[in-house]
PDB file of all heavy atoms in Angstrom:
ATOM      1  N   VAL A   1      -5.916   6.680  -6.604  1.00  0.00           N
ATOM      2  CA  VAL A   1      -5.426   5.277  -6.876  1.00  0.00           C
ATOM      3  C   VAL A   1      -4.904   5.281  -8.344  1.00  0.00           C
ATOM      4  O   VAL A   1      -5.560   5.739  -9.254  1.00  0.00           O
ATOM      5  CB  VAL A   1      -6.546   4.253  -6.632  1.00  0.00           C
ATOM      6  CG1 VAL A   1      -6.072   2.871  -7.026  1.00  0.00           C
ATOM      7  CG2 VAL A   1      -7.069   4.378  -5.248  1.00  0.00           C
ATOM      8  N   PRO A   2      -3.706   4.748  -8.596  1.00  0.00           N
ATOM      9  CA  PRO A   2      -2.867   4.085  -7.648  1.00  0.00           C
ATOM     10  C   PRO A   2      -2.129   5.117  -6.782  1.00  0.00           C
ATOM     11  O   PRO A   2      -1.765   6.212  -7.216  1.00  0.00           O
ATOM     12  CB  PRO A   2      -1.817   3.299  -8.531  1.00  0.00           C
ATOM     13  CG  PRO A   2      -1.762   4.091  -9.816  1.00  0.00           C
ATOM     14  CD  PRO A   2      -3.110   4.655  -9.956  1.00  0.00           C
ATOM     15  N   TYR A   3      -2.003   4.747  -5.511  1.00  0.00           N
ATOM     16  CA  TYR A   3      -1.284   5.604  -4.605  1.00  0.00           C
ATOM     17  C   TYR A   3       0.137   5.121  -4.227  1.00  0.00           C
ATOM     18  O   TYR A   3       0.309   3.879  -4.060  1.00  0.00           O
ATOM     19  CB  TYR A   3      -2.073   5.601  -3.214  1.00  0.00           C
ATOM     20  CG  TYR A   3      -1.337   6.375  -2.152  1.00  0.00           C
ATOM     21  CD1 TYR A   3      -1.327   7.676  -2.033  1.00  0.00           C
ATOM     22  CD2 TYR A   3      -0.666   5.590  -1.198  1.00  0.00           C
ATOM     23  CE1 TYR A   3      -0.667   8.363  -1.031  1.00  0.00           C
ATOM     24  CE2 TYR A   3      -0.015   6.251  -0.171  1.00  0.00           C
ATOM     25  CZ  TYR A   3       0.024   7.671  -0.089  1.00  0.00           C
ATOM     26  OH  TYR A   3       0.712   8.283   0.903  1.00  0.00           O
ATOM     27  N   THR A   4       1.075   6.021  -4.244  1.00  0.00           N
ATOM     28  CA  THR A   4       2.415   5.738  -3.800  1.00  0.00           C
ATOM     29  C   THR A   4       2.786   6.700  -2.820  1.00  0.00           C
ATOM     30  O   THR A   4       2.712   7.975  -3.071  1.00  0.00           O
ATOM     31  CB  THR A   4       3.357   5.674  -5.000  1.00  0.00           C
ATOM     32  OG1 THR A   4       2.995   4.781  -5.970  1.00  0.00           O
ATOM     33  CG2 THR A   4       4.751   5.353  -4.567  1.00  0.00           C
ATOM     34  N   GLY A   5       3.257   6.326  -1.627  1.00  0.00           N
ATOM     35  CA  GLY A   5       3.683   7.281  -0.634  1.00  0.00           C
ATOM     36  C   GLY A   5       4.596   6.669   0.408  1.00  0.00           C
ATOM     37  O   GLY A   5       4.588   5.446   0.527  1.00  0.00           O
ATOM     38  N   PRO A   6       5.242   7.499   1.133  1.00  0.00           N
ATOM     39  CA  PRO A   6       6.243   6.996   2.164  1.00  0.00           C
ATOM     40  C   PRO A   6       5.565   6.596   3.441  1.00  0.00           C
ATOM     41  O   PRO A   6       4.442   7.014   3.744  1.00  0.00           O
ATOM     42  CB  PRO A   6       7.138   8.236   2.316  1.00  0.00           C
ATOM     43  CG  PRO A   6       6.187   9.373   2.165  1.00  0.00           C
ATOM     44  CD  PRO A   6       5.284   8.952   1.028  1.00  0.00           C
ATOM     45  N   ILE A   7       6.253   5.730   4.167  1.00  0.00           N
ATOM     46  CA  ILE A   7       5.963   5.478   5.569  1.00  0.00           C
ATOM     47  C   ILE A   7       7.038   6.203   6.257  1.00  0.00           C
ATOM     48  O   ILE A   7       8.211   5.814   6.272  1.00  0.00           O
ATOM     49  CB  ILE A   7       6.015   3.915   5.824  1.00  0.00           C
ATOM     50  CG1 ILE A   7       4.878   3.206   5.054  1.00  0.00           C
ATOM     51  CG2 ILE A   7       5.819   3.680   7.332  1.00  0.00           C
ATOM     52  CD1 ILE A   7       5.030   1.650   5.128  1.00  0.00           C
ATOM     53  N   TYR A   8       6.694   7.336   6.768  1.00  0.00           N
ATOM     54  CA  TYR A   8       7.706   8.236   7.439  1.00  0.00           C
ATOM     55  C   TYR A   8       8.392   7.529   8.593  1.00  0.00           C
ATOM     56  O   TYR A   8       7.752   6.957   9.462  1.00  0.00           O
ATOM     57  CB  TYR A   8       7.058   9.514   7.887  1.00  0.00           C
ATOM     58  CG  TYR A   8       6.567  10.315   6.723  1.00  0.00           C
ATOM     59  CD1 TYR A   8       5.169  10.320   6.447  1.00  0.00           C
ATOM     60  CD2 TYR A   8       7.412  11.007   5.906  1.00  0.00           C
ATOM     61  CE1 TYR A   8       4.656  11.062   5.355  1.00  0.00           C
ATOM     62  CE2 TYR A   8       6.914  11.691   4.762  1.00  0.00           C
ATOM     63  CZ  TYR A   8       5.576  11.725   4.513  1.00  0.00           C
ATOM     64  OH  TYR A   8       5.115  12.410   3.468  1.00  0.00           O
ATOM     65  N   GLY A   9       9.687   7.481   8.512  1.00  0.00           N
ATOM     66  CA  GLY A   9      10.508   6.854   9.619  1.00  0.00           C
ATOM     67  C   GLY A   9      10.734   5.360   9.301  1.00  0.00           C
ATOM     68  O   GLY A   9      11.403   4.703  10.015  1.00  0.00           O
ATOM     69  N   GLY A  10      10.130   4.870   8.140  1.00  0.00           N
ATOM     70  CA  GLY A  10      10.348   3.471   7.830  1.00  0.00           C
ATOM     71  C   GLY A  10       9.458   2.528   8.605  1.00  0.00           C
ATOM     72  O   GLY A  10       8.846   2.883   9.656  1.00  0.00           O
ATOM     73  N   LEU A  11       9.365   1.326   8.209  1.00  0.00           N
ATOM     74  CA  LEU A  11       8.585   0.267   8.905  1.00  0.00           C
ATOM     75  C   LEU A  11       9.399  -0.389   9.991  1.00  0.00           C
ATOM     76  O   LEU A  11      10.552  -0.538   9.805  1.00  0.00           O
ATOM     77  CB  LEU A  11       8.137  -0.767   7.882  1.00  0.00           C
ATOM     78  CG  LEU A  11       6.897  -1.596   8.106  1.00  0.00           C
ATOM     79  CD1 LEU A  11       5.718  -0.689   8.243  1.00  0.00           C
ATOM     80  CD2 LEU A  11       6.602  -2.479   6.870  1.00  0.00           C
ATOM     81  N   LYS A  12       8.767  -0.680  11.058  1.00  0.00           N
ATOM     82  CA  LYS A  12       9.414  -1.300  12.213  1.00  0.00           C
ATOM     83  C   LYS A  12       8.565  -2.393  12.844  1.00  0.00           C
ATOM     84  O   LYS A  12       7.337  -2.406  12.613  1.00  0.00           O
ATOM     85  CB  LYS A  12       9.756  -0.270  13.319  1.00  0.00           C
ATOM     86  CG  LYS A  12      10.697   0.835  12.830  1.00  0.00           C
ATOM     87  CD  LYS A  12      10.827   1.855  13.894  1.00  0.00           C
ATOM     88  CE  LYS A  12      11.764   3.063  13.459  1.00  0.00           C
ATOM     89  NZ  LYS A  12      11.354   3.805  12.269  1.00  0.00           N
ATOM     90  N   LEU A  13       9.176  -3.269  13.563  1.00  0.00           N
ATOM     91  CA  LEU A  13       8.452  -4.301  14.293  1.00  0.00           C
ATOM     92  C   LEU A  13       7.433  -3.612  15.192  1.00  0.00           C
ATOM     93  O   LEU A  13       7.736  -2.633  15.829  1.00  0.00           O
ATOM     94  CB  LEU A  13       9.348  -5.193  15.133  1.00  0.00           C
ATOM     95  CG  LEU A  13      10.308  -6.143  14.373  1.00  0.00           C
ATOM     96  CD1 LEU A  13      11.211  -6.891  15.287  1.00  0.00           C
ATOM     97  CD2 LEU A  13       9.508  -7.078  13.488  1.00  0.00           C
ATOM     98  N   GLY A  14       6.263  -4.221  15.218  1.00  0.00           N
ATOM     99  CA  GLY A  14       5.164  -3.693  16.089  1.00  0.00           C
ATOM    100  C   GLY A  14       4.290  -2.682  15.314  1.00  0.00           C
ATOM    101  O   GLY A  14       3.189  -2.413  15.879  1.00  0.00           O
ATOM    102  N   MET A  15       4.665  -2.195  14.165  1.00  0.00           N
ATOM    103  CA  MET A  15       3.820  -1.318  13.454  1.00  0.00           C
ATOM    104  C   MET A  15       2.792  -2.031  12.727  1.00  0.00           C
ATOM    105  O   MET A  15       2.925  -3.241  12.497  1.00  0.00           O
ATOM    106  CB  MET A  15       4.703  -0.479  12.516  1.00  0.00           C
ATOM    107  CG  MET A  15       5.614   0.505  13.193  1.00  0.00           C
ATOM    108  SD  MET A  15       6.666   1.472  11.996  1.00  0.00           S
ATOM    109  CE  MET A  15       5.425   2.556  11.252  1.00  0.00           C
ATOM    110  N   SER A  16       1.773  -1.263  12.307  1.00  0.00           N
ATOM    111  CA  SER A  16       0.730  -1.907  11.492  1.00  0.00           C
ATOM    112  C   SER A  16       0.199  -0.998  10.444  1.00  0.00           C
ATOM    113  O   SER A  16       0.466   0.235  10.548  1.00  0.00           O
ATOM    114  CB  SER A  16      -0.482  -2.374  12.343  1.00  0.00           C
ATOM    115  OG  SER A  16      -1.042  -1.323  13.012  1.00  0.00           O
ATOM    116  N   LEU A  17      -0.310  -1.486   9.364  1.00  0.00           N
ATOM    117  CA  LEU A  17      -0.759  -0.695   8.239  1.00  0.00           C
ATOM    118  C   LEU A  17      -2.287  -1.124   8.053  1.00  0.00           C
ATOM    119  O   LEU A  17      -2.522  -2.289   7.864  1.00  0.00           O
ATOM    120  CB  LEU A  17       0.022  -1.037   7.027  1.00  0.00           C
ATOM    121  CG  LEU A  17      -0.414  -0.368   5.703  1.00  0.00           C
ATOM    122  CD1 LEU A  17      -0.309   1.141   5.762  1.00  0.00           C
ATOM    123  CD2 LEU A  17       0.389  -0.871   4.529  1.00  0.00           C
ATOM    124  N   PHE A  18      -3.176  -0.171   8.191  1.00  0.00           N
ATOM    125  CA  PHE A  18      -4.611  -0.484   8.034  1.00  0.00           C
ATOM    126  C   PHE A  18      -5.176   0.152   6.814  1.00  0.00           C
ATOM    127  O   PHE A  18      -4.905   1.332   6.473  1.00  0.00           O
ATOM    128  CB  PHE A  18      -5.318   0.164   9.310  1.00  0.00           C
ATOM    129  CG  PHE A  18      -6.822  -0.020   9.205  1.00  0.00           C
ATOM    130  CD1 PHE A  18      -7.363  -1.198   9.481  1.00  0.00           C
ATOM    131  CD2 PHE A  18      -7.643   1.107   9.012  1.00  0.00           C
ATOM    132  CE1 PHE A  18      -8.767  -1.386   9.436  1.00  0.00           C
ATOM    133  CE2 PHE A  18      -9.007   1.028   8.986  1.00  0.00           C
ATOM    134  CZ  PHE A  18      -9.558  -0.320   9.238  1.00  0.00           C
ATOM    135  N   ILE A  19      -5.925  -0.629   5.998  1.00  0.00           N
ATOM    136  CA  ILE A  19      -6.383  -0.176   4.726  1.00  0.00           C
ATOM    137  C   ILE A  19      -7.848  -0.595   4.596  1.00  0.00           C
ATOM    138  O   ILE A  19      -8.216  -1.741   4.935  1.00  0.00           O
ATOM    139  CB  ILE A  19      -5.651  -0.879   3.554  1.00  0.00           C
ATOM    140  CG1 ILE A  19      -4.183  -0.453   3.573  1.00  0.00           C
ATOM    141  CG2 ILE A  19      -6.313  -0.518   2.212  1.00  0.00           C
ATOM    142  CD1 ILE A  19      -3.253  -1.164   2.581  1.00  0.00           C
ATOM    143  N   GLN A  20      -8.693   0.375   4.328  1.00  0.00           N
ATOM    144  CA  GLN A  20     -10.146   0.122   4.049  1.00  0.00           C
ATOM    145  C   GLN A  20     -10.338   0.353   2.528  1.00  0.00           C
ATOM    146  O   GLN A  20      -9.809   1.334   1.991  1.00  0.00           O
ATOM    147  CB  GLN A  20     -11.035   1.032   4.803  1.00  0.00           C
ATOM    148  CG  GLN A  20     -11.053   0.805   6.274  1.00  0.00           C
ATOM    149  CD  GLN A  20     -11.993   1.812   6.953  1.00  0.00           C
ATOM    150  OE1 GLN A  20     -11.726   2.957   7.007  1.00  0.00           O
ATOM    151  NE2 GLN A  20     -13.123   1.266   7.496  1.00  0.00           N
ATOM    152  N   GLY A  21     -11.123  -0.542   1.963  1.00  0.00           N
ATOM    153  CA  GLY A  21     -11.448  -0.347   0.559  1.00  0.00           C
ATOM    154  C   GLY A  21     -12.656  -1.092   0.078  1.00  0.00           C
ATOM    155  O   GLY A  21     -13.346  -1.837   0.892  1.00  0.00           O
ATOM    156  N   THR A  22     -12.961  -1.078  -1.150  1.00  0.00           N
ATOM    157  CA  THR A  22     -14.014  -1.794  -1.784  1.00  0.00           C
ATOM    158  C   THR A  22     -13.557  -2.411  -3.131  1.00  0.00           C
ATOM    159  O   THR A  22     -12.896  -1.624  -3.827  1.00  0.00           O
ATOM    160  CB  THR A  22     -15.251  -0.906  -2.048  1.00  0.00           C
ATOM    161  OG1 THR A  22     -15.706  -0.244  -0.794  1.00  0.00           O
ATOM    162  CG2 THR A  22     -16.426  -1.644  -2.677  1.00  0.00           C
ATOM    163  N   VAL A  23     -13.879  -3.680  -3.262  1.00  0.00           N
ATOM    164  CA  VAL A  23     -13.507  -4.246  -4.584  1.00  0.00           C
ATOM    165  C   VAL A  23     -14.583  -3.756  -5.540  1.00  0.00           C
ATOM    166  O   VAL A  23     -15.795  -3.924  -5.408  1.00  0.00           O
ATOM    167  CB  VAL A  23     -13.552  -5.774  -4.449  1.00  0.00           C
ATOM    168  CG1 VAL A  23     -13.326  -6.422  -5.812  1.00  0.00           C
ATOM    169  CG2 VAL A  23     -12.619  -6.305  -3.419  1.00  0.00           C
ATOM    170  N   LEU A  24     -14.070  -3.161  -6.625  1.00  0.00           N
ATOM    171  CA  LEU A  24     -15.000  -2.607  -7.653  1.00  0.00           C
ATOM    172  C   LEU A  24     -15.686  -3.723  -8.402  1.00  0.00           C
ATOM    173  O   LEU A  24     -15.006  -4.777  -8.731  1.00  0.00           O
ATOM    174  CB  LEU A  24     -14.282  -1.702  -8.629  1.00  0.00           C
ATOM    175  CG  LEU A  24     -13.626  -0.395  -8.011  1.00  0.00           C
ATOM    176  CD1 LEU A  24     -12.842   0.338  -9.093  1.00  0.00           C
ATOM    177  CD2 LEU A  24     -14.720   0.488  -7.407  1.00  0.00           C
ATOM    178  N   ASN A  25     -16.885  -3.618  -8.776  1.00  0.00           N
ATOM    179  CA  ASN A  25     -17.574  -4.600  -9.573  1.00  0.00           C
ATOM    180  C   ASN A  25     -16.807  -4.784 -10.912  1.00  0.00           C
ATOM    181  O   ASN A  25     -16.538  -3.744 -11.547  1.00  0.00           O
ATOM    182  CB  ASN A  25     -19.061  -4.151  -9.841  1.00  0.00           C
ATOM    183  CG  ASN A  25     -19.945  -4.351  -8.630  1.00  0.00           C
ATOM    184  OD1 ASN A  25     -19.840  -5.481  -7.975  1.00  0.00           O
ATOM    185  ND2 ASN A  25     -20.741  -3.412  -8.380  1.00  0.00           N
ATOM    186  N   GLY A  26     -16.520  -6.024 -11.254  1.00  0.00           N
ATOM    187  CA  GLY A  26     -15.857  -6.294 -12.539  1.00  0.00           C
ATOM    188  C   GLY A  26     -14.418  -6.175 -12.405  1.00  0.00           C
ATOM    189  O   GLY A  26     -13.674  -6.392 -13.382  1.00  0.00           O
ATOM    190  N   ALA A  27     -13.828  -5.907 -11.200  1.00  0.00           N
ATOM    191  CA  ALA A  27     -12.362  -5.829 -11.123  1.00  0.00           C
ATOM    192  C   ALA A  27     -11.723  -7.128 -11.304  1.00  0.00           C
ATOM    193  O   ALA A  27     -12.291  -8.188 -11.053  1.00  0.00           O
ATOM    194  CB  ALA A  27     -11.957  -5.344  -9.643  1.00  0.00           C
ATOM    195  N   THR A  28     -10.548  -7.136 -11.904  1.00  0.00           N
ATOM    196  CA  THR A  28      -9.837  -8.389 -12.218  1.00  0.00           C
ATOM    197  C   THR A  28      -8.771  -8.660 -11.128  1.00  0.00           C
ATOM    198  O   THR A  28      -8.456  -9.801 -10.805  1.00  0.00           O
ATOM    199  CB  THR A  28      -9.135  -8.364 -13.526  1.00  0.00           C
ATOM    200  OG1 THR A  28      -8.242  -7.289 -13.639  1.00  0.00           O
ATOM    201  CG2 THR A  28     -10.136  -8.339 -14.668  1.00  0.00           C
ATOM    202  N   ARG A  29      -8.284  -7.557 -10.441  1.00  0.00           N
ATOM    203  CA  ARG A  29      -7.304  -7.663  -9.445  1.00  0.00           C
ATOM    204  C   ARG A  29      -7.026  -6.303  -8.762  1.00  0.00           C
ATOM    205  O   ARG A  29      -7.384  -5.293  -9.358  1.00  0.00           O
ATOM    206  CB  ARG A  29      -5.988  -8.276  -9.957  1.00  0.00           C
ATOM    207  CG  ARG A  29      -5.313  -7.462 -10.944  1.00  0.00           C
ATOM    208  CD  ARG A  29      -4.012  -8.043 -11.501  1.00  0.00           C
ATOM    209  NE  ARG A  29      -4.245  -9.304 -12.106  1.00  0.00           N
ATOM    210  CZ  ARG A  29      -3.302 -10.239 -12.381  1.00  0.00           C
ATOM    211  NH1 ARG A  29      -2.034  -9.982 -12.032  1.00  0.00           N
ATOM    212  NH2 ARG A  29      -3.617 -11.318 -12.943  1.00  0.00           N
ATOM    213  N   PHE A  30      -6.391  -6.332  -7.651  1.00  0.00           N
ATOM    214  CA  PHE A  30      -5.715  -5.123  -7.113  1.00  0.00           C
ATOM    215  C   PHE A  30      -4.497  -5.564  -6.336  1.00  0.00           C
ATOM    216  O   PHE A  30      -4.289  -6.736  -6.087  1.00  0.00           O
ATOM    217  CB  PHE A  30      -6.699  -4.325  -6.224  1.00  0.00           C
ATOM    218  CG  PHE A  30      -7.009  -4.890  -4.901  1.00  0.00           C
ATOM    219  CD1 PHE A  30      -6.253  -4.730  -3.782  1.00  0.00           C
ATOM    220  CD2 PHE A  30      -8.212  -5.687  -4.797  1.00  0.00           C
ATOM    221  CE1 PHE A  30      -6.628  -5.263  -2.525  1.00  0.00           C
ATOM    222  CE2 PHE A  30      -8.617  -6.193  -3.514  1.00  0.00           C
ATOM    223  CZ  PHE A  30      -7.796  -5.973  -2.471  1.00  0.00           C
ATOM    224  N   ALA A  31      -3.578  -4.664  -6.032  1.00  0.00           N
ATOM    225  CA  ALA A  31      -2.387  -5.023  -5.369  1.00  0.00           C
ATOM    226  C   ALA A  31      -1.970  -3.960  -4.360  1.00  0.00           C
ATOM    227  O   ALA A  31      -2.243  -2.759  -4.545  1.00  0.00           O
ATOM    228  CB  ALA A  31      -1.196  -5.244  -6.420  1.00  0.00           C
ATOM    229  N   ILE A  32      -1.335  -4.429  -3.293  1.00  0.00           N
ATOM    230  CA  ILE A  32      -0.717  -3.624  -2.317  1.00  0.00           C
ATOM    231  C   ILE A  32       0.691  -4.072  -2.219  1.00  0.00           C
ATOM    232  O   ILE A  32       0.971  -5.197  -1.984  1.00  0.00           O
ATOM    233  CB  ILE A  32      -1.394  -3.677  -0.975  1.00  0.00           C
ATOM    234  CG1 ILE A  32      -2.856  -3.168  -1.088  1.00  0.00           C
ATOM    235  CG2 ILE A  32      -0.694  -2.925   0.160  1.00  0.00           C
ATOM    236  CD1 ILE A  32      -3.724  -3.486   0.092  1.00  0.00           C
ATOM    237  N   ASN A  33       1.659  -3.108  -2.435  1.00  0.00           N
ATOM    238  CA  ASN A  33       3.117  -3.349  -2.318  1.00  0.00           C
ATOM    239  C   ASN A  33       3.702  -2.520  -1.231  1.00  0.00           C
ATOM    240  O   ASN A  33       3.632  -1.411  -1.223  1.00  0.00           O
ATOM    241  CB  ASN A  33       3.778  -2.997  -3.709  1.00  0.00           C
ATOM    242  CG  ASN A  33       3.326  -3.889  -4.811  1.00  0.00           C
ATOM    243  OD1 ASN A  33       3.186  -5.128  -4.594  1.00  0.00           O
ATOM    244  ND2 ASN A  33       3.156  -3.356  -5.957  1.00  0.00           N
ATOM    245  N   LEU A  34       4.491  -3.259  -0.398  1.00  0.00           N
ATOM    246  CA  LEU A  34       5.345  -2.603   0.631  1.00  0.00           C
ATOM    247  C   LEU A  34       6.697  -2.732   0.038  1.00  0.00           C
ATOM    248  O   LEU A  34       7.229  -3.812  -0.148  1.00  0.00           O
ATOM    249  CB  LEU A  34       5.256  -3.345   1.925  1.00  0.00           C
ATOM    250  CG  LEU A  34       3.838  -3.387   2.582  1.00  0.00           C
ATOM    251  CD1 LEU A  34       3.887  -4.073   3.950  1.00  0.00           C
ATOM    252  CD2 LEU A  34       3.312  -1.953   2.785  1.00  0.00           C
ATOM    253  N   GLN A  35       7.266  -1.545  -0.376  1.00  0.00           N
ATOM    254  CA  GLN A  35       8.516  -1.566  -1.183  1.00  0.00           C
ATOM    255  C   GLN A  35       9.639  -0.719  -0.469  1.00  0.00           C
ATOM    256  O   GLN A  35       9.325  -0.010   0.440  1.00  0.00           O
ATOM    257  CB  GLN A  35       8.189  -1.128  -2.563  1.00  0.00           C
ATOM    258  CG  GLN A  35       7.550   0.201  -2.743  1.00  0.00           C
ATOM    259  CD  GLN A  35       7.012   0.357  -4.106  1.00  0.00           C
ATOM    260  OE1 GLN A  35       6.420  -0.440  -4.762  1.00  0.00           O
ATOM    261  NE2 GLN A  35       7.205   1.642  -4.574  1.00  0.00           N
ATOM    262  N   THR A  36      10.797  -0.890  -1.003  1.00  0.00           N
ATOM    263  CA  THR A  36      11.988  -0.257  -0.423  1.00  0.00           C
ATOM    264  C   THR A  36      12.200   1.152  -0.853  1.00  0.00           C
ATOM    265  O   THR A  36      13.244   1.784  -0.423  1.00  0.00           O
ATOM    266  CB  THR A  36      13.221  -1.121  -0.659  1.00  0.00           C
ATOM    267  OG1 THR A  36      13.413  -1.194  -2.065  1.00  0.00           O
ATOM    268  CG2 THR A  36      13.120  -2.394  -0.068  1.00  0.00           C
ATOM    269  N   GLY A  37      11.319   1.686  -1.748  1.00  0.00           N
ATOM    270  CA  GLY A  37      11.581   3.099  -2.216  1.00  0.00           C
ATOM    271  C   GLY A  37      10.377   3.512  -3.061  1.00  0.00           C
ATOM    272  O   GLY A  37       9.471   2.748  -3.181  1.00  0.00           O
ATOM    273  N   LEU A  38      10.454   4.723  -3.514  1.00  0.00           N
ATOM    274  CA  LEU A  38       9.328   5.317  -4.325  1.00  0.00           C
ATOM    275  C   LEU A  38       9.637   5.567  -5.783  1.00  0.00           C
ATOM    276  O   LEU A  38       8.773   5.828  -6.562  1.00  0.00           O
ATOM    277  CB  LEU A  38       8.889   6.612  -3.717  1.00  0.00           C
ATOM    278  CG  LEU A  38       8.375   6.552  -2.226  1.00  0.00           C
ATOM    279  CD1 LEU A  38       8.072   7.993  -1.664  1.00  0.00           C
ATOM    280  CD2 LEU A  38       7.091   5.726  -2.121  1.00  0.00           C
ATOM    281  N   VAL A  39      10.871   5.493  -6.092  1.00  0.00           N
ATOM    282  CA  VAL A  39      11.332   5.792  -7.517  1.00  0.00           C
ATOM    283  C   VAL A  39      12.084   4.628  -8.093  1.00  0.00           C
ATOM    284  O   VAL A  39      12.635   3.765  -7.411  1.00  0.00           O
ATOM    285  CB  VAL A  39      12.168   7.088  -7.580  1.00  0.00           C
ATOM    286  CG1 VAL A  39      11.312   8.255  -7.211  1.00  0.00           C
ATOM    287  CG2 VAL A  39      13.378   6.976  -6.698  1.00  0.00           C
ATOM    288  N   GLY A  40      12.152   4.614  -9.384  1.00  0.00           N
ATOM    289  CA  GLY A  40      12.958   3.574 -10.041  1.00  0.00           C
ATOM    290  C   GLY A  40      12.235   2.209  -9.888  1.00  0.00           C
ATOM    291  O   GLY A  40      11.035   2.115  -9.986  1.00  0.00           O
TER     292      GLY A  40
END
C-alpha cells in the first residue's frame, strides 16, 4: 500500500471490485480511486 494496478480488459457493466481491509488505529483517512490510467 499504496497499490496501483490495472483492471485487465477495463471496467464494464456487471463487473464488481471486492476489497477487504482493516482501518489502522489512528488512521486519519484512506482512499480508493478508480481511474482512467496508471501514469501521469
